[in-house]
Amino acid sequence: MKPIKLLGVMILLLVLTNITLANFALDDSAVVADLTSEITSLKHANVILNSEVATRGSLTLAIKRVQEEGYVAAPTVATLAQPGVVALR
């Protein structure tokens, strides 16, 4: 009779352990789901910020801003004279 009681107690402990571990797994999966949704929202915000940076840093917008500030394009481009022959080593 004693081995049957011991076996019953072991089965009960195993069932309780299984239930406890299942609850911990559910809690962890909820945390993982929260982190996944937060990662997705951060990726979305990153895309929005990247597009905003690209828009504000575009050359077209910079040219318009420069013209609005009163700067004009030079009629000629000044360059330094290049030497005719370059010595090779």
Protein backbone atom coordinates (compact mmCIF):
# COMPACT_ATOMS: atom_id res chain seq x y z
CA MET A 1 0.00 0.00 0.00
CA LYS A 2 2.89 2.33 0.74
CA PRO A 3 4.32 2.28 -2.84
CA ILE A 4 0.89 3.17 -4.25
CA LYS A 5 0.60 6.19 -1.92
CA LEU A 6 4.15 7.25 -2.80
CA LEU A 7 3.38 6.90 -6.51
CA GLY A 8 0.16 8.93 -6.08
CA VAL A 9 2.01 11.72 -4.26
CA MET A 10 4.69 11.77 -7.00
CA ILE A 11 2.03 11.97 -9.71
CA LEU A 12 0.33 14.83 -7.85
CA LEU A 13 3.64 16.69 -7.51
CA LEU A 14 4.39 16.18 -11.20
CA VAL A 15 0.97 17.51 -12.18
CA LEU A 16 1.38 20.57 -9.94
CA THR A 17 4.87 21.15 -11.33
CA ASN A 18 3.52 20.88 -14.87
CA ILE A 19 0.78 23.42 -14.13
CA THR A 20 3.27 25.80 -12.49
CA LEU A 21 5.70 25.59 -15.41
CA ALA A 22 2.86 26.09 -17.88
CA ASN A 23 1.84 29.28 -16.04
CA PHE A 24 5.42 30.57 -16.12
CA ALA A 25 5.60 29.80 -19.83
CA LEU A 26 2.40 31.78 -20.42
CA ASP A 27 3.77 34.72 -18.47
CA ASP A 28 6.99 34.61 -20.49
CA SER A 29 5.06 34.43 -23.75
CA ALA A 30 3.07 37.51 -22.71
CA VAL A 31 6.32 39.35 -22.01
CA VAL A 32 7.71 38.24 -25.37
CA ALA A 33 4.54 39.40 -27.11
CA ASP A 34 4.80 42.81 -25.41
CA LEU A 35 8.45 43.12 -26.43
CA THR A 36 7.63 42.11 -29.99
CA SER A 37 4.92 44.75 -30.26
CA GLU A 38 7.27 47.35 -28.78
CA ILE A 39 9.99 46.40 -31.28
CA THR A 40 7.49 46.74 -34.12
CA SER A 41 6.37 50.18 -32.94
CA LEU A 42 10.00 51.30 -32.57
CA LYS A 43 10.80 50.08 -36.10
CA HIS A 44 7.80 52.04 -37.39
CA ALA A 45 8.92 55.17 -35.55
CA ASN A 46 12.44 54.68 -36.94
CA VAL A 47 11.11 54.55 -40.50
CA ILE A 48 9.14 57.74 -39.91
CA LEU A 49 12.19 59.51 -38.46
CA ASN A 50 14.39 58.35 -41.33
CA SER A 51 11.95 59.73 -43.88
CA GLU A 52 11.72 63.01 -41.97
CA VAL A 53 15.52 63.31 -41.87
CA ALA A 54 15.70 62.54 -45.58
CA THR A 55 13.06 65.16 -46.32
CA ARG A 56 14.70 67.87 -44.22
CA GLY A 57 18.15 67.10 -45.59
CA SER A 58 17.21 66.93 -49.25
CA LEU A 59 19.18 69.09 -51.66
CA THR A 60 16.01 70.44 -53.25
CA LEU A 61 14.85 71.82 -49.92
CA ALA A 62 18.34 73.14 -49.17
CA ILE A 63 18.49 74.99 -52.49
CA LYS A 64 15.09 76.59 -51.84
CA ARG A 65 16.18 77.62 -48.35
CA VAL A 66 19.44 79.12 -49.64
CA GLN A 67 17.54 81.10 -52.28
CA GLU A 68 15.06 82.32 -49.68
CA GLU A 69 17.96 83.57 -47.56
CA GLY A 70 19.07 85.76 -50.47
CA TYR A 71 22.07 83.86 -51.77
CA VAL A 72 22.35 83.65 -55.52
CA ALA A 73 24.39 81.45 -57.81
CA ALA A 74 27.69 82.89 -58.98
CA PRO A 75 27.64 83.72 -62.71
CA THR A 76 31.05 82.14 -63.18
CA VAL A 77 32.89 79.37 -61.46
CA ALA A 78 36.41 80.16 -60.35
CA THR A 79 38.95 77.36 -60.44
CA LEU A 80 42.66 77.15 -59.86
CA ALA A 81 44.88 76.50 -62.85
CA GLN A 82 45.99 72.89 -63.17
CA PRO A 83 49.62 72.22 -63.99
CA GLY A 84 50.14 70.95 -67.52
CA VAL A 85 52.55 68.18 -66.56
CA VAL A 86 52.52 66.22 -63.35
CA ALA A 87 55.75 64.54 -62.33
CA LEU A 88 55.54 60.80 -61.88
CA ARG A 89 57.51 59.05 -59.19
